[in-house]
Amino acid sequence: MKRFKDTEHLIRLAAVMVIAVIAFVVLRTALVPRSFGEYGHYRGAAIGETAARPVAFAGHQTCEACHTDVVDVKKQGKHVVVACEACHGAQAKHAEDPGSVQPKKLDTAVVCARCHEANSAKPSGFPQVVTADHAGGLACDSCHKPHRPKIETETEVKK
């Protein structure tokens, strides 16, 4: 049996590999939560942590119970399927105490662009605009009514 001429470099490589494996095991033990893997490739404690978080959304039924005038207008437009809090944000605190918690005024130039900014990945029939060219710096609600977006002037609402 012939010995390698210089085995010292192989011993060093093996030592580095052993140190790397030990470091990996120690770091993994320190960084990966204990409940990881309880439900497949998931962290079991995440379910309880999520359930313990405070409720932030009121739900569109809660909004519609108070804002019936908006519901009537919205039913006539294309946004009828869009939940209120998709645009207005989480409103559970407002629903609990409507008198003291007022929702902030929406920046429609930002909110509307979330869905309607032109993008080739969206279906061709979906209303899309290049906001920089379309609005000339104006907020969307200066021309369009967000709850019934096809309406562009107050006189058309009355028709």
N, C-alpha and C. Protein backbone atom coordinates (compact mmCIF):
# COMPACT_ATOMS: atom_id res chain seq x y z
N MET A 1 0.84 -1.17 0.00
CA MET A 1 0.00 0.00 0.00
C MET A 1 0.89 1.24 0.00
N LYS A 2 0.64 2.08 -0.98
CA LYS A 2 1.47 3.27 -1.15
C LYS A 2 0.83 4.44 -0.42
N ARG A 3 1.63 5.17 0.36
CA ARG A 3 1.16 6.36 1.08
C ARG A 3 1.31 7.59 0.22
N PHE A 4 0.36 8.54 0.45
CA PHE A 4 0.49 9.81 -0.26
C PHE A 4 1.78 10.47 0.15
N LYS A 5 2.37 11.16 -0.80
CA LYS A 5 3.63 11.84 -0.57
C LYS A 5 3.49 12.92 0.50
N ASP A 6 2.39 13.69 0.41
CA ASP A 6 2.19 14.79 1.37
C ASP A 6 0.74 14.76 1.86
N THR A 7 0.47 14.12 2.97
CA THR A 7 -0.90 14.00 3.50
C THR A 7 -1.29 15.14 4.42
N GLU A 8 -0.37 16.01 4.71
CA GLU A 8 -0.66 17.12 5.64
C GLU A 8 -1.78 18.02 5.13
N HIS A 9 -1.81 18.32 3.83
CA HIS A 9 -2.86 19.19 3.29
C HIS A 9 -4.23 18.50 3.35
N LEU A 10 -4.31 17.18 3.23
CA LEU A 10 -5.57 16.45 3.35
C LEU A 10 -6.08 16.48 4.79
N ILE A 11 -5.18 16.39 5.75
CA ILE A 11 -5.56 16.45 7.16
C ILE A 11 -6.11 17.84 7.50
N ARG A 12 -5.48 18.89 6.96
CA ARG A 12 -5.96 20.25 7.18
C ARG A 12 -7.35 20.44 6.58
N LEU A 13 -7.56 19.93 5.37
CA LEU A 13 -8.87 20.04 4.73
C LEU A 13 -9.93 19.30 5.54
N ALA A 14 -9.62 18.14 6.03
CA ALA A 14 -10.57 17.38 6.85
C ALA A 14 -10.88 18.14 8.14
N ALA A 15 -9.87 18.76 8.76
CA ALA A 15 -10.08 19.53 9.99
C ALA A 15 -10.99 20.74 9.72
N VAL A 16 -10.78 21.42 8.60
CA VAL A 16 -11.61 22.57 8.25
C VAL A 16 -13.06 22.12 8.02
N MET A 17 -13.24 20.97 7.37
CA MET A 17 -14.59 20.45 7.13
C MET A 17 -15.28 20.09 8.45
N VAL A 18 -14.58 19.48 9.37
CA VAL A 18 -15.15 19.12 10.67
C VAL A 18 -15.54 20.39 11.43
N ILE A 19 -14.71 21.39 11.41
CA ILE A 19 -15.00 22.66 12.09
C ILE A 19 -16.22 23.33 11.44
N ALA A 20 -16.30 23.28 10.12
CA ALA A 20 -17.44 23.88 9.42
C ALA A 20 -18.74 23.17 9.78
N VAL A 21 -18.73 21.85 9.86
CA VAL A 21 -19.93 21.09 10.23
C VAL A 21 -20.34 21.41 11.66
N ILE A 22 -19.39 21.46 12.56
CA ILE A 22 -19.69 21.79 13.96
C ILE A 22 -20.26 23.20 14.06
N ALA A 23 -19.67 24.17 13.34
CA ALA A 23 -20.16 25.55 13.36
C ALA A 23 -21.58 25.61 12.80
N PHE A 24 -21.86 24.86 11.73
CA PHE A 24 -23.20 24.83 11.15
C PHE A 24 -24.22 24.29 12.15
N VAL A 25 -23.89 23.21 12.81
CA VAL A 25 -24.82 22.61 13.78
C VAL A 25 -25.08 23.56 14.94
N VAL A 26 -24.04 24.21 15.44
CA VAL A 26 -24.19 25.15 16.55
C VAL A 26 -25.04 26.35 16.12
N LEU A 27 -24.75 26.93 14.96
CA LEU A 27 -25.52 28.08 14.48
C LEU A 27 -26.97 27.70 14.20
N ARG A 28 -27.18 26.55 13.60
CA ARG A 28 -28.54 26.11 13.30
C ARG A 28 -29.33 25.93 14.60
N THR A 29 -28.72 25.34 15.59
CA THR A 29 -29.38 25.14 16.88
C THR A 29 -29.73 26.48 17.52
N ALA A 30 -28.86 27.46 17.38
CA ALA A 30 -29.09 28.76 18.00
C ALA A 30 -30.11 29.60 17.22
N LEU A 31 -30.16 29.47 15.90
CA LEU A 31 -30.98 30.36 15.08
C LEU A 31 -32.34 29.79 14.68
N VAL A 32 -32.47 28.50 14.53
CA VAL A 32 -33.74 27.91 14.08
C VAL A 32 -34.62 27.65 15.30
N PRO A 33 -35.85 28.18 15.29
CA PRO A 33 -36.75 27.99 16.43
C PRO A 33 -37.05 26.51 16.69
N ARG A 34 -37.30 26.17 17.94
CA ARG A 34 -37.54 24.78 18.32
C ARG A 34 -38.78 24.19 17.65
N SER A 35 -39.77 25.03 17.39
CA SER A 35 -41.00 24.51 16.80
C SER A 35 -40.92 24.32 15.29
N PHE A 36 -39.79 24.67 14.69
CA PHE A 36 -39.64 24.48 13.24
C PHE A 36 -39.70 23.00 12.91
N GLY A 37 -40.53 22.67 11.93
CA GLY A 37 -40.63 21.29 11.48
C GLY A 37 -41.78 20.51 12.11
N GLU A 38 -42.52 21.10 13.04
CA GLU A 38 -43.64 20.40 13.66
C GLU A 38 -44.72 20.05 12.65
N TYR A 39 -44.93 20.94 11.70
CA TYR A 39 -45.95 20.73 10.67
C TYR A 39 -45.28 20.76 9.31
N GLY A 40 -44.41 19.83 9.06
CA GLY A 40 -43.68 19.82 7.80
C GLY A 40 -42.60 20.89 7.84
N HIS A 41 -42.50 21.64 6.78
CA HIS A 41 -41.44 22.65 6.68
C HIS A 41 -41.94 24.00 7.21
N TYR A 42 -42.60 23.98 8.36
CA TYR A 42 -43.16 25.19 8.95
C TYR A 42 -42.83 25.26 10.43
N ARG A 43 -42.99 26.45 11.00
CA ARG A 43 -42.74 26.67 12.42
C ARG A 43 -44.07 26.57 13.15
N GLY A 44 -44.22 25.55 13.97
CA GLY A 44 -45.47 25.26 14.66
C GLY A 44 -45.97 26.40 15.53
N ALA A 45 -45.10 27.13 16.19
CA ALA A 45 -45.52 28.21 17.09
C ALA A 45 -46.07 29.42 16.33
N ALA A 46 -45.88 29.48 15.02
CA ALA A 46 -46.34 30.63 14.25
C ALA A 46 -47.86 30.76 14.29
N ILE A 47 -48.56 29.65 14.37
CA ILE A 47 -50.02 29.69 14.39
C ILE A 47 -50.52 30.42 15.64
N GLY A 48 -49.99 30.05 16.79
CA GLY A 48 -50.37 30.71 18.05
C GLY A 48 -49.95 32.16 18.09
N GLU A 49 -48.77 32.46 17.57
CA GLU A 49 -48.30 33.85 17.55
C GLU A 49 -49.19 34.72 16.68
N THR A 50 -49.60 34.19 15.54
CA THR A 50 -50.47 34.95 14.66
C THR A 50 -51.85 35.15 15.29
N ALA A 51 -52.38 34.12 15.93
CA ALA A 51 -53.69 34.22 16.58
C ALA A 51 -53.66 35.21 17.74
N ALA A 52 -52.52 35.39 18.38
CA ALA A 52 -52.41 36.29 19.53
C ALA A 52 -52.30 37.76 19.12
N ARG A 53 -52.02 38.03 17.86
CA ARG A 53 -51.89 39.42 17.41
C ARG A 53 -53.24 40.12 17.47
N PRO A 54 -53.24 41.42 17.73
CA PRO A 54 -54.52 42.13 17.81
C PRO A 54 -55.19 42.20 16.44
N VAL A 55 -56.50 42.23 16.44
CA VAL A 55 -57.27 42.33 15.21
C VAL A 55 -57.08 43.73 14.64
N ALA A 56 -56.76 43.82 13.37
CA ALA A 56 -56.54 45.12 12.75
C ALA A 56 -57.64 45.45 11.73
N PHE A 57 -58.19 44.43 11.10
CA PHE A 57 -59.19 44.65 10.06
C PHE A 57 -60.60 44.45 10.62
N ALA A 58 -61.51 45.32 10.23
CA ALA A 58 -62.89 45.23 10.69
C ALA A 58 -63.71 44.31 9.79
N GLY A 59 -63.39 44.26 8.53
CA GLY A 59 -64.16 43.48 7.57
C GLY A 59 -65.16 44.36 6.85
N HIS A 60 -65.41 44.08 5.57
CA HIS A 60 -66.27 44.96 4.78
C HIS A 60 -67.70 44.98 5.27
N GLN A 61 -68.16 43.91 5.92
CA GLN A 61 -69.53 43.91 6.45
C GLN A 61 -69.69 44.99 7.52
N THR A 62 -68.67 45.16 8.35
CA THR A 62 -68.70 46.18 9.39
C THR A 62 -68.74 47.57 8.78
N CYS A 63 -67.92 47.78 7.75
CA CYS A 63 -67.90 49.08 7.08
C CYS A 63 -69.26 49.37 6.44
N GLU A 64 -69.80 48.37 5.75
CA GLU A 64 -71.05 48.55 5.03
C GLU A 64 -72.24 48.77 5.96
N ALA A 65 -72.17 48.28 7.19
CA ALA A 65 -73.26 48.47 8.14
C ALA A 65 -73.45 49.95 8.48
N CYS A 66 -72.38 50.70 8.54
CA CYS A 66 -72.47 52.13 8.88
C CYS A 66 -72.51 53.03 7.65
N HIS A 67 -71.75 52.68 6.63
CA HIS A 67 -71.59 53.54 5.45
C HIS A 67 -72.49 53.06 4.31
N THR A 68 -73.79 53.02 4.57
CA THR A 68 -74.74 52.51 3.57
C THR A 68 -74.79 53.39 2.32
N ASP A 69 -74.57 54.70 2.49
CA ASP A 69 -74.58 55.60 1.33
C ASP A 69 -73.45 55.24 0.36
N VAL A 70 -72.30 54.90 0.89
CA VAL A 70 -71.17 54.51 0.06
C VAL A 70 -71.45 53.18 -0.62
N VAL A 71 -72.08 52.26 0.10
CA VAL A 71 -72.42 50.95 -0.45
C VAL A 71 -73.32 51.11 -1.67
N ASP A 72 -74.31 52.01 -1.60
CA ASP A 72 -75.23 52.22 -2.71
C ASP A 72 -74.49 52.72 -3.95
N VAL A 73 -73.56 53.64 -3.76
CA VAL A 73 -72.78 54.17 -4.88
C VAL A 73 -71.83 53.09 -5.41
N LYS A 74 -71.19 52.40 -4.50
CA LYS A 74 -70.20 51.38 -4.88
C LYS A 74 -70.83 50.22 -5.65
N LYS A 75 -72.08 49.89 -5.33
CA LYS A 75 -72.78 48.79 -6.02
C LYS A 75 -72.95 49.07 -7.51
N GLN A 76 -72.94 50.33 -7.89
CA GLN A 76 -73.14 50.71 -9.29
C GLN A 76 -71.83 50.74 -10.07
N GLY A 77 -70.70 50.61 -9.38
CA GLY A 77 -69.40 50.71 -10.04
C GLY A 77 -68.65 49.40 -10.09
N LYS A 78 -67.49 49.45 -10.67
CA LYS A 78 -66.66 48.25 -10.84
C LYS A 78 -65.92 47.87 -9.57
N HIS A 79 -65.86 48.75 -8.59
CA HIS A 79 -65.16 48.46 -7.34
C HIS A 79 -66.05 47.73 -6.34
N VAL A 80 -67.20 47.26 -6.76
CA VAL A 80 -68.14 46.57 -5.87
C VAL A 80 -67.48 45.34 -5.24
N VAL A 81 -66.56 44.71 -5.93
CA VAL A 81 -65.92 43.49 -5.42
C VAL A 81 -64.67 43.77 -4.59
N VAL A 82 -64.27 45.03 -4.51
CA VAL A 82 -63.07 45.40 -3.74
C VAL A 82 -63.48 45.68 -2.30
N ALA A 83 -62.85 44.98 -1.36
CA ALA A 83 -63.14 45.20 0.06
C ALA A 83 -62.71 46.61 0.47
N CYS A 84 -63.44 47.21 1.37
CA CYS A 84 -63.18 48.59 1.80
C CYS A 84 -61.73 48.78 2.27
N GLU A 85 -61.27 47.85 3.09
CA GLU A 85 -59.95 48.00 3.71
C GLU A 85 -58.81 47.72 2.75
N ALA A 86 -59.11 47.26 1.55
CA ALA A 86 -58.06 47.11 0.53
C ALA A 86 -57.50 48.48 0.16
N CYS A 87 -58.35 49.49 0.17
CA CYS A 87 -57.92 50.85 -0.13
C CYS A 87 -57.74 51.69 1.13
N HIS A 88 -58.66 51.56 2.07
CA HIS A 88 -58.67 52.42 3.25
C HIS A 88 -57.78 51.92 4.38
N GLY A 89 -57.22 50.73 4.24
CA GLY A 89 -56.36 50.19 5.28
C GLY A 89 -57.17 49.58 6.42
N ALA A 90 -56.47 48.99 7.36
CA ALA A 90 -57.11 48.33 8.50
C ALA A 90 -57.89 49.35 9.32
N GLN A 91 -59.15 49.05 9.58
CA GLN A 91 -60.03 50.01 10.26
C GLN A 91 -60.73 49.44 11.49
N ALA A 92 -60.19 48.41 12.13
CA ALA A 92 -60.83 47.84 13.32
C ALA A 92 -60.96 48.88 14.44
N LYS A 93 -59.96 49.71 14.64
CA LYS A 93 -60.02 50.72 15.69
C LYS A 93 -61.10 51.75 15.39
N HIS A 94 -61.25 52.12 14.12
CA HIS A 94 -62.30 53.06 13.74
C HIS A 94 -63.68 52.43 13.96
N ALA A 95 -63.81 51.15 13.64
CA ALA A 95 -65.09 50.46 13.83
C ALA A 95 -65.46 50.36 15.30
N GLU A 96 -64.47 50.20 16.17
CA GLU A 96 -64.73 50.12 17.61
C GLU A 96 -65.15 51.45 18.20
N ASP A 97 -64.52 52.55 17.72
CA ASP A 97 -64.81 53.88 18.25
C ASP A 97 -64.81 54.90 17.11
N PRO A 98 -65.88 54.93 16.31
CA PRO A 98 -65.92 55.80 15.14
C PRO A 98 -65.82 57.28 15.45
N GLY A 99 -66.26 57.68 16.63
CA GLY A 99 -66.25 59.10 16.98
C GLY A 99 -64.86 59.66 17.21
N SER A 100 -63.98 58.87 17.77
CA SER A 100 -62.66 59.41 18.11
C SER A 100 -61.55 58.95 17.17
N VAL A 101 -61.75 57.86 16.46
CA VAL A 101 -60.71 57.37 15.54
C VAL A 101 -61.19 57.62 14.11
N GLN A 102 -60.62 58.63 13.49
CA GLN A 102 -60.99 58.97 12.12
C GLN A 102 -59.93 58.47 11.15
N PRO A 103 -60.34 57.77 10.10
CA PRO A 103 -59.36 57.33 9.10
C PRO A 103 -58.70 58.52 8.43
N LYS A 104 -57.44 58.39 8.10
CA LYS A 104 -56.76 59.50 7.45
C LYS A 104 -57.18 59.60 5.99
N LYS A 105 -57.04 60.78 5.41
CA LYS A 105 -57.40 61.02 4.02
C LYS A 105 -56.44 60.23 3.14
N LEU A 106 -57.01 59.53 2.17
CA LEU A 106 -56.21 58.70 1.28
C LEU A 106 -55.49 59.55 0.24
N ASP A 107 -54.28 59.15 -0.08
CA ASP A 107 -53.57 59.73 -1.22
C ASP A 107 -53.92 58.85 -2.41
N THR A 108 -54.96 59.25 -3.14
CA THR A 108 -55.46 58.40 -4.22
C THR A 108 -54.43 58.18 -5.32
N ALA A 109 -53.50 59.10 -5.48
CA ALA A 109 -52.46 58.90 -6.50
C ALA A 109 -51.62 57.66 -6.17
N VAL A 110 -51.48 57.36 -4.90
CA VAL A 110 -50.72 56.18 -4.47
C VAL A 110 -51.63 54.95 -4.40
N VAL A 111 -52.78 55.10 -3.77
CA VAL A 111 -53.69 53.97 -3.55
C VAL A 111 -54.17 53.39 -4.88
N CYS A 112 -54.62 54.22 -5.78
CA CYS A 112 -55.16 53.73 -7.05
C CYS A 112 -54.06 53.09 -7.91
N ALA A 113 -52.86 53.64 -7.83
CA ALA A 113 -51.75 53.10 -8.62
C ALA A 113 -51.36 51.69 -8.19
N ARG A 114 -51.66 51.31 -6.95
CA ARG A 114 -51.35 49.95 -6.50
C ARG A 114 -51.96 48.91 -7.44
N CYS A 115 -53.16 49.17 -7.90
CA CYS A 115 -53.84 48.22 -8.78
C CYS A 115 -53.81 48.65 -10.25
N HIS A 116 -53.86 49.95 -10.49
CA HIS A 116 -54.10 50.41 -11.86
C HIS A 116 -52.87 50.93 -12.60
N GLU A 117 -51.70 50.90 -12.00
CA GLU A 117 -50.49 51.30 -12.73
C GLU A 117 -50.26 50.28 -13.85
N ALA A 118 -49.99 50.78 -15.04
CA ALA A 118 -49.82 49.91 -16.21
C ALA A 118 -48.69 48.91 -15.99
N ASN A 119 -49.00 47.67 -16.35
CA ASN A 119 -48.05 46.59 -16.18
C ASN A 119 -48.44 45.49 -17.17
N SER A 120 -47.51 45.04 -17.96
CA SER A 120 -47.82 44.04 -19.00
C SER A 120 -48.24 42.70 -18.42
N ALA A 121 -48.02 42.47 -17.13
CA ALA A 121 -48.41 41.21 -16.51
C ALA A 121 -49.90 41.17 -16.17
N LYS A 122 -50.56 42.31 -16.20
CA LYS A 122 -51.99 42.37 -15.88
C LYS A 122 -52.81 42.00 -17.11
N PRO A 123 -54.03 41.51 -16.90
CA PRO A 123 -54.89 41.18 -18.04
C PRO A 123 -55.14 42.41 -18.91
N SER A 124 -55.23 42.23 -20.20
CA SER A 124 -55.36 43.36 -21.12
C SER A 124 -56.66 44.14 -20.91
N GLY A 125 -57.72 43.50 -20.42
CA GLY A 125 -58.98 44.20 -20.20
C GLY A 125 -59.05 44.97 -18.90
N PHE A 126 -58.05 44.82 -18.05
CA PHE A 126 -58.05 45.50 -16.75
C PHE A 126 -57.66 46.96 -16.94
N PRO A 127 -58.41 47.91 -16.36
CA PRO A 127 -58.08 49.33 -16.53
C PRO A 127 -56.70 49.66 -15.97
N GLN A 128 -55.82 50.15 -16.85
CA GLN A 128 -54.45 50.47 -16.46
C GLN A 128 -54.07 51.83 -17.02
N VAL A 129 -53.27 52.55 -16.28
CA VAL A 129 -52.77 53.85 -16.74
C VAL A 129 -51.31 53.99 -16.35
N VAL A 130 -50.59 54.80 -17.10
CA VAL A 130 -49.25 55.21 -16.70
C VAL A 130 -49.48 56.52 -15.96
N THR A 131 -49.43 56.45 -14.63
CA THR A 131 -49.86 57.60 -13.83
C THR A 131 -49.07 58.86 -14.13
N ALA A 132 -47.80 58.72 -14.46
CA ALA A 132 -46.98 59.90 -14.76
C ALA A 132 -47.52 60.64 -15.98
N ASP A 133 -48.04 59.91 -16.95
CA ASP A 133 -48.57 60.54 -18.17
C ASP A 133 -50.05 60.88 -18.04
N HIS A 134 -50.80 60.05 -17.34
CA HIS A 134 -52.26 60.16 -17.29
C HIS A 134 -52.75 61.35 -16.46
N ALA A 135 -52.21 61.51 -15.27
CA ALA A 135 -52.79 62.46 -14.33
C ALA A 135 -52.12 63.82 -14.31
N GLY A 136 -50.95 63.92 -14.83
CA GLY A 136 -50.25 65.20 -14.79
C GLY A 136 -50.00 65.70 -13.38
N GLY A 137 -49.81 64.80 -12.45
CA GLY A 137 -49.52 65.16 -11.07
C GLY A 137 -50.75 65.30 -10.19
N LEU A 138 -51.94 65.23 -10.76
CA LEU A 138 -53.16 65.36 -9.97
C LEU A 138 -53.49 64.03 -9.28
N ALA A 139 -54.16 64.12 -8.15
CA ALA A 139 -54.64 62.93 -7.47
C ALA A 139 -55.81 62.37 -8.27
N CYS A 140 -55.98 61.06 -8.24
CA CYS A 140 -57.03 60.40 -9.03
C CYS A 140 -58.42 60.93 -8.70
N ASP A 141 -58.68 61.21 -7.40
CA ASP A 141 -60.01 61.64 -7.00
C ASP A 141 -60.34 63.07 -7.40
N SER A 142 -59.41 63.78 -8.03
CA SER A 142 -59.74 65.11 -8.54
C SER A 142 -60.56 65.00 -9.83
N CYS A 143 -60.49 63.85 -10.51
CA CYS A 143 -61.29 63.62 -11.72
C CYS A 143 -62.24 62.43 -11.58
N HIS A 144 -61.81 61.39 -10.88
CA HIS A 144 -62.59 60.16 -10.76
C HIS A 144 -63.16 60.02 -9.35
N LYS A 145 -64.28 59.34 -9.25
CA LYS A 145 -64.89 59.03 -7.96
C LYS A 145 -64.47 57.61 -7.59
N PRO A 146 -63.67 57.43 -6.55
CA PRO A 146 -63.11 56.12 -6.24
C PRO A 146 -64.14 55.01 -6.02
N HIS A 147 -65.29 55.31 -5.46
CA HIS A 147 -66.28 54.27 -5.22
C HIS A 147 -67.05 53.89 -6.49
N ARG A 148 -67.00 54.77 -7.46
CA ARG A 148 -67.63 54.51 -8.77
C ARG A 148 -66.73 55.16 -9.82
N PRO A 149 -65.59 54.53 -10.15
CA PRO A 149 -64.52 55.17 -10.89
C PRO A 149 -64.83 55.64 -12.30
N LYS A 150 -65.79 55.09 -12.99
CA LYS A 150 -66.09 55.55 -14.35
C LYS A 150 -66.67 56.96 -14.36
N ILE A 151 -67.27 57.37 -13.25
CA ILE A 151 -67.85 58.71 -13.14
C ILE A 151 -66.70 59.71 -13.03
N GLU A 152 -66.72 60.70 -13.88
CA GLU A 152 -65.62 61.65 -13.89
C GLU A 152 -66.01 63.06 -13.45
N THR A 153 -67.30 63.34 -13.31
CA THR A 153 -67.69 64.66 -12.82
C THR A 153 -68.89 64.52 -11.90
N GLU A 154 -69.11 65.51 -11.09
CA GLU A 154 -70.26 65.50 -10.17
C GLU A 154 -71.57 65.50 -10.93
N THR A 155 -71.63 66.17 -12.09
CA THR A 155 -72.89 66.22 -12.82
C THR A 155 -73.27 64.84 -13.35
N GLU A 156 -72.29 64.00 -13.66
CA GLU A 156 -72.58 62.65 -14.12
C GLU A 156 -73.13 61.78 -12.99
N VAL A 157 -72.73 62.07 -11.75
CA VAL A 157 -73.23 61.30 -10.59
C VAL A 157 -74.73 61.54 -10.45
N LYS A 158 -75.18 62.76 -10.70
CA LYS A 158 -76.58 63.12 -10.52
C LYS A 158 -77.47 62.53 -11.61
N LYS A 159 -76.89 62.18 -12.76
CA LYS A 159 -77.69 61.64 -13.88
C LYS A 159 -78.27 60.30 -13.57
